[in-house]
Each structure stands twice: as structure tokens, then as C-alpha cells.
């Protein structure tokens, strides 16, 4: 009875653990999809750095696209395409764009790998997605580090001032896309760690405890056995003549075989 109760309790804990782990897994998947959206937006938007009130001219720059004032000084003219290297301002900008693009591609592959939950063990899928997220985070980190190397470009100095140089933004300011990319680095690494934790914390269905022969009837090898009350047997003394009759009967039965 006690073993049965322990098994039922284990199954209740198992059910609650699986329910909670699935809830955490759903949240992990949702935040991964959100990161993918942020990554794509960061890759496309030319809002990494831009002019401020102290800038000599108006304009803003992205990974491969940039917008500056026209000759008339009234409108912004945008240039740069990812598939045309000659239209990008500098090599560091283009290399940063490649790393951010690989990061976006990796997280999209991670989302596609979530379909493997229907065909493979959850622990294996979490490990695959976790390592893909690590790759995506590293690419995002490298893109954010390499991008400031291109701030010494002439077009950047035309907007940010002559003081703009490598890792020196001059009179410009960091825009929301760059900030979102930096936040995304921490986000994707936290998601990767969570994926590894979920992979290592997969619960197993509790097996019923085996019942041994010694446990039948409440006895166990490792526990003290219950004492059994032994009823005393009262022996009644038989009269002497009954013993003589039994002895004579044995002799008479033995004489039956004598010819």
C-alpha cells in the first residue's frame, strides 16, 4: 500500500513537471520567434547611427544602406544594396551586414528545427536549437563589434563631423536599430542557455517499484517483520487404558500376517 502511494505521488510530480517544462518551452519558442523578427528588422533598417543636433549635416546609416541630404538640402537620398557591394560605403559595414544576415538566417533555421519536436526526442531538439542559437548570437556579436570600424568613412564624417573615426562616433548618435541589436545579443544567449537547461531536465516516467516475494504480506527484507501471535496448544493427558488399547491394537495388526 505504501509503495503504491509513493508511485502515485511520483506520477503527480511528473505530470506537474512536464506541464511546467512545456510552458517554459512554449515561452522559449515565442521569444525565439521574437528575436528572429528583431534580427530581420535590425538587418533591414538603416537606423544604426544618425545625426544629432550637433551634427554638421542630416543623415543616418545602417549596415549597407545609408541616407544623406541631397544637394538641395531639403530631402534625404538613400543608397546602398546588400546584393551590390560597390554601393556599400565601406568593407566593415558590408562584413557586419554579412554577420547580421547569417545571424538572422541561423535563427530562422532554429525556428524550422522546432518542427522536429514531432519526430525526435525533445532533449535532442533542444540541443540542436541551442547550438544554432549560440551561432546566431556569435554572429550578432561580431556584427556589432565590426560595424564601428567603418565610422572613418568620408560619408560618415560628412554627417558626424571630422572627429568621427574607428570606434569614435563623432557628433552622431546611436540609433534604435543598433541598440536593439545589442539587446538581441543578450537575448539569444539567454535563450540558448535555456535550451540547454531544458534539454538536460527532461523528466522520465516513474516506473512502478518491483514487489519481491519477501514483501508479500507486509514483510520486507530491509524492514523489521511484523510479529505473529502464536496461539498455545493445550495438550490433554490421555488415560493409561487408552495407551494400552493402542499398543494391543498394534500387536493384533502385526499378528494378522502370521500363518
Protein backbone atom coordinates (compact mmCIF):
# COMPACT_ATOMS: atom_id res chain seq x y z
CA UNK A 1 0.00 0.00 0.00
CA UNK A 2 2.83 2.39 0.90
CA UNK A 3 4.69 1.62 -2.35
CA UNK A 4 1.53 2.30 -4.33
CA UNK A 5 1.09 5.70 -2.66
CA UNK A 6 4.69 6.65 -3.42
CA UNK A 7 4.21 5.71 -7.06
CA UNK A 8 1.06 7.81 -7.34
CA UNK A 9 2.83 10.77 -5.73
CA UNK A 10 5.72 10.44 -8.17
CA UNK A 11 3.33 10.43 -11.09
CA UNK A 12 1.64 13.59 -9.82
CA UNK A 13 5.02 15.33 -9.55
CA UNK A 14 5.92 14.04 -13.01
CA UNK A 15 2.72 15.43 -14.52
CA UNK A 16 3.25 18.85 -12.93
CA UNK A 17 6.89 18.91 -14.01
CA UNK A 18 6.03 18.06 -17.61
CA UNK A 19 3.31 20.71 -17.66
CA UNK A 20 5.67 23.39 -16.34
CA UNK A 21 8.51 22.40 -18.66
CA UNK A 22 6.17 22.56 -21.65
CA UNK A 23 5.04 26.03 -20.60
CA UNK A 24 8.67 27.16 -20.37
CA UNK A 25 9.35 25.55 -23.74
CA UNK A 26 6.48 27.46 -25.34
CA UNK A 27 7.81 30.72 -23.92
CA UNK A 28 11.27 29.82 -25.21
CA UNK A 29 9.85 29.28 -28.70
CA UNK A 30 7.89 32.55 -28.61
CA UNK A 31 10.94 34.59 -27.58
CA UNK A 32 12.99 32.86 -30.27
CA UNK A 33 10.46 33.94 -32.89
CA UNK A 34 10.51 37.48 -31.47
CA UNK A 35 14.29 37.54 -31.71
CA UNK A 36 14.08 36.43 -35.34
CA UNK A 37 11.76 39.36 -36.09
CA UNK A 38 14.08 41.80 -34.31
CA UNK A 39 17.07 40.38 -36.16
CA UNK A 40 15.45 40.85 -39.56
CA UNK A 41 14.37 44.40 -38.69
CA UNK A 42 17.89 45.25 -37.50
CA UNK A 43 19.33 43.87 -40.73
CA UNK A 44 16.99 45.87 -42.97
CA UNK A 45 16.68 49.23 -41.21
CA UNK A 46 19.33 51.94 -41.84
CA UNK A 47 18.99 53.28 -38.31
CA UNK A 48 22.21 52.18 -36.63
CA UNK A 49 23.75 55.63 -36.25
CA UNK A 50 22.46 59.05 -37.24
CA UNK A 51 22.73 62.78 -36.89
CA UNK A 52 22.07 64.77 -33.73
CA UNK A 53 21.51 68.44 -33.02
CA UNK A 54 25.27 69.00 -33.07
CA UNK A 55 25.87 67.21 -36.38
CA UNK A 56 27.02 69.33 -39.35
CA UNK A 57 24.54 67.59 -41.66
CA UNK A 58 21.48 65.36 -41.52
CA UNK A 59 21.62 61.66 -42.32
CA UNK A 60 21.65 58.16 -40.89
CA UNK A 61 23.43 54.90 -41.63
CA UNK A 62 22.64 51.21 -41.48
CA UNK A 63 24.57 48.07 -42.29
CA UNK A 64 24.55 48.53 -46.04
CA UNK A 65 22.03 51.32 -46.66
CA UNK A 66 22.55 54.99 -45.79
CA UNK A 67 20.58 58.17 -46.30
CA UNK A 68 22.05 61.68 -46.65
CA UNK A 69 20.77 65.06 -47.72
CA UNK A 70 20.55 65.84 -51.40
CA UNK A 71 22.39 68.76 -52.95
CA UNK A 72 19.34 70.93 -52.46
CA UNK A 73 19.46 70.17 -48.73
CA UNK A 74 15.73 69.55 -48.47
CA UNK A 75 15.33 65.79 -48.95
CA UNK A 76 17.17 62.65 -47.92
CA UNK A 77 18.57 60.43 -50.63
CA UNK A 78 19.12 56.74 -49.72
CA UNK A 79 21.73 54.49 -51.29
CA UNK A 80 23.15 51.02 -50.80
CA UNK A 81 22.02 47.48 -51.51
CA UNK A 82 23.17 44.28 -49.89
CA UNK A 83 23.50 42.44 -53.21
CA UNK A 84 25.69 45.22 -54.64
CA UNK A 85 28.95 45.53 -52.78
CA UNK A 86 30.00 48.63 -54.71
CA UNK A 87 27.01 50.54 -53.31
CA UNK A 88 28.03 49.91 -49.67
CA UNK A 89 30.10 52.63 -48.01
CA UNK A 90 32.92 50.51 -46.58
CA UNK A 91 34.12 46.95 -46.18
CA UNK A 92 33.50 46.86 -42.37
CA UNK A 93 29.87 47.82 -42.96
CA UNK A 94 29.47 45.03 -45.50
CA UNK A 95 31.17 42.43 -43.28
CA UNK A 96 28.95 43.47 -40.38
CA UNK A 97 25.93 43.11 -42.66
CA UNK A 98 27.03 39.58 -43.59
CA UNK A 99 27.34 38.54 -39.94
CA UNK A 100 23.96 40.03 -39.03
CA UNK A 101 22.43 38.31 -42.05
CA UNK A 102 23.93 34.96 -41.05
CA UNK A 103 22.56 35.52 -37.55
CA UNK A 104 19.07 36.06 -38.96
CA UNK A 105 19.41 33.00 -41.20
CA UNK A 106 20.57 30.85 -38.28
CA UNK A 107 17.64 31.80 -36.07
CA UNK A 108 15.22 31.09 -38.94
CA UNK A 109 16.77 27.63 -39.25
CA UNK A 110 16.31 27.24 -35.49
CA UNK A 111 12.61 28.01 -35.87
CA UNK A 112 12.32 25.42 -38.64
CA UNK A 113 14.06 22.87 -36.40
CA UNK A 114 11.24 23.24 -33.90
CA UNK A 115 9.18 21.03 -36.20
CA UNK A 116 11.48 18.19 -35.15
CA UNK A 117 9.64 18.05 -31.82
CA UNK A 118 7.03 15.93 -33.62
CA UNK A 119 9.60 13.37 -34.79
CA UNK A 120 12.50 13.35 -32.31
CA UNK A 121 13.12 13.45 -28.59
CA UNK A 122 12.72 16.87 -27.01
CA UNK A 123 16.20 16.79 -25.47
CA UNK A 124 17.85 16.30 -28.87
CA UNK A 125 15.84 19.11 -30.47
CA UNK A 126 16.65 21.49 -27.64
CA UNK A 127 20.36 20.73 -28.03
CA UNK A 128 20.23 21.36 -31.79
CA UNK A 129 18.35 24.63 -31.37
CA UNK A 130 20.62 25.70 -28.51
CA UNK A 131 23.78 25.37 -30.57
CA UNK A 132 22.16 27.16 -33.52
CA UNK A 133 21.22 30.00 -31.18
CA UNK A 134 24.81 30.17 -29.95
CA UNK A 135 25.98 30.55 -33.56
CA UNK A 136 23.35 33.23 -34.16
CA UNK A 137 24.44 35.13 -31.05
CA UNK A 138 28.12 34.98 -32.00
CA UNK A 139 27.35 36.34 -35.47
CA UNK A 140 25.26 39.13 -33.98
CA UNK A 141 28.08 39.97 -31.56
CA UNK A 142 30.70 40.07 -34.33
CA UNK A 143 28.46 42.26 -36.47
CA UNK A 144 28.02 44.78 -33.66
CA UNK A 145 31.77 44.81 -32.95
CA UNK A 146 32.89 45.17 -36.58
CA UNK A 147 30.40 47.88 -37.52
CA UNK A 148 32.17 50.78 -35.70
CA UNK A 149 35.36 50.06 -37.67
CA UNK A 150 33.72 51.73 -40.69
CA UNK A 151 32.97 55.02 -38.97
CA UNK A 152 36.04 56.64 -40.52
CA UNK A 153 34.35 56.71 -43.93
CA UNK A 154 34.14 60.07 -45.70
CA UNK A 155 30.34 59.95 -45.98
CA UNK A 156 30.04 59.18 -42.27
CA UNK A 157 32.37 62.08 -41.45
CA UNK A 158 30.22 64.35 -43.60
CA UNK A 159 27.30 63.74 -41.23
CA UNK A 160 29.09 63.03 -37.95
CA UNK A 161 31.92 65.54 -38.33
CA UNK A 162 35.64 65.20 -38.87
CA UNK A 163 36.07 63.71 -35.40
CA UNK A 164 34.34 60.51 -36.50
CA UNK A 165 36.85 57.66 -36.65
CA UNK A 166 37.19 53.97 -35.85
CA UNK A 167 35.10 53.32 -32.71
CA UNK A 168 34.52 57.08 -32.43
CA UNK A 169 31.06 58.17 -33.47
CA UNK A 170 31.89 61.87 -33.55
CA UNK A 171 28.88 64.18 -33.41
CA UNK A 172 26.37 61.46 -34.33
CA UNK A 173 24.35 59.28 -32.03
CA UNK A 174 23.46 55.61 -31.80
CA UNK A 175 20.00 54.87 -33.19
CA UNK A 176 17.41 52.31 -32.09
CA UNK A 177 18.47 49.56 -34.54
CA UNK A 178 21.97 49.37 -33.05
CA UNK A 179 20.55 49.32 -29.52
CA UNK A 180 18.11 46.58 -30.49
CA UNK A 181 20.97 44.52 -31.94
CA UNK A 182 22.95 44.81 -28.69
CA UNK A 183 19.92 43.76 -26.65
CA UNK A 184 19.42 40.86 -29.05
CA UNK A 185 22.88 39.51 -28.22
CA UNK A 186 21.95 39.01 -24.57
CA UNK A 187 18.52 37.74 -25.55
CA UNK A 188 19.74 34.98 -27.85
CA UNK A 189 22.41 33.77 -25.42
CA UNK A 190 19.85 33.56 -22.62
CA UNK A 191 17.60 31.56 -24.94
CA UNK A 192 20.50 29.25 -25.81
CA UNK A 193 21.24 28.60 -22.12
CA UNK A 194 17.55 27.95 -21.51
CA UNK A 195 17.51 25.46 -24.38
CA UNK A 196 20.44 23.56 -22.85
CA UNK A 197 18.72 23.55 -19.45
CA UNK A 198 15.50 22.20 -20.95
CA UNK A 199 17.50 19.52 -22.76
CA UNK A 200 19.13 18.34 -19.53
CA UNK A 201 15.98 18.47 -17.38
CA UNK A 202 13.73 16.11 -19.29
CA UNK A 203 11.63 14.11 -16.82
CA UNK A 204 11.21 10.36 -17.14
CA UNK A 205 8.03 8.46 -16.46
CA UNK A 206 8.28 6.94 -12.96
CA UNK A 207 8.42 3.16 -13.05
CA UNK A 208 6.44 1.12 -10.57
CA UNK A 209 8.59 -0.32 -7.79
CA UNK A 210 9.10 -4.10 -8.11
CA UNK A 211 7.41 -6.25 -5.48
CA UNK A 212 9.56 -9.06 -4.13
CA UNK A 213 8.38 -12.27 -2.61
CA UNK A 214 9.59 -11.23 0.81
CA UNK A 215 7.35 -8.12 0.64
CA UNK A 216 4.15 -10.10 0.19
CA UNK A 217 2.02 -9.96 3.31
CA UNK A 218 3.74 -6.82 4.58
CA UNK A 219 7.22 -8.36 5.00
CA UNK A 220 10.32 -6.68 3.64
CA UNK A 221 13.95 -7.74 3.63
CA UNK A 222 15.18 -4.37 4.84
CA UNK A 223 12.43 -3.76 7.38
CA UNK A 224 11.60 -5.47 10.60
CA UNK A 225 8.97 -8.11 10.10
CA UNK A 226 5.73 -7.92 11.95
CA UNK A 227 5.41 -10.29 14.93
CA UNK A 228 2.85 -13.05 14.58
CA UNK A 229 0.83 -14.07 17.60
CA UNK A 230 1.24 -17.80 18.14
CA UNK A 231 -1.65 -19.45 19.92
CA UNK A 232 -0.59 -22.04 22.58
CA UNK A 233 -1.67 -25.62 22.00
CA UNK A 234 -3.12 -27.30 25.09
CA UNK A 235 -2.25 -30.98 25.31
CA UNK A 236 -4.72 -33.11 27.26
CA UNK A 237 -3.15 -36.14 29.01
CA UNK A 238 -4.68 -39.38 27.85
CA UNK A 239 -5.72 -42.10 30.31
CA UNK A 240 -3.49 -45.14 30.72
CA UNK A 241 -6.04 -47.63 29.42
CA UNK A 242 -6.20 -45.81 26.11
CA UNK A 243 -2.44 -46.22 25.66
CA UNK A 244 -2.74 -49.96 26.41
CA UNK A 245 -5.51 -50.30 23.86
CA UNK A 246 -3.39 -48.60 21.20
CA UNK A 247 -0.44 -50.90 21.94
CA UNK A 248 -2.61 -54.01 21.83
CA UNK A 249 -4.09 -52.85 18.58
CA UNK A 250 -0.67 -52.58 17.02
CA UNK A 251 0.22 -56.12 18.19
CA UNK A 252 -3.01 -57.53 16.87
CA UNK A 253 -2.47 -55.92 13.47
CA UNK A 254 1.03 -57.33 13.39
CA UNK A 255 -0.27 -60.89 14.14
CA UNK A 256 -2.62 -60.83 11.16
CA UNK A 257 0.24 -61.71 8.84
CA UNK A 258 1.31 -64.81 10.77
CA UNK A 259 0.24 -68.08 9.10
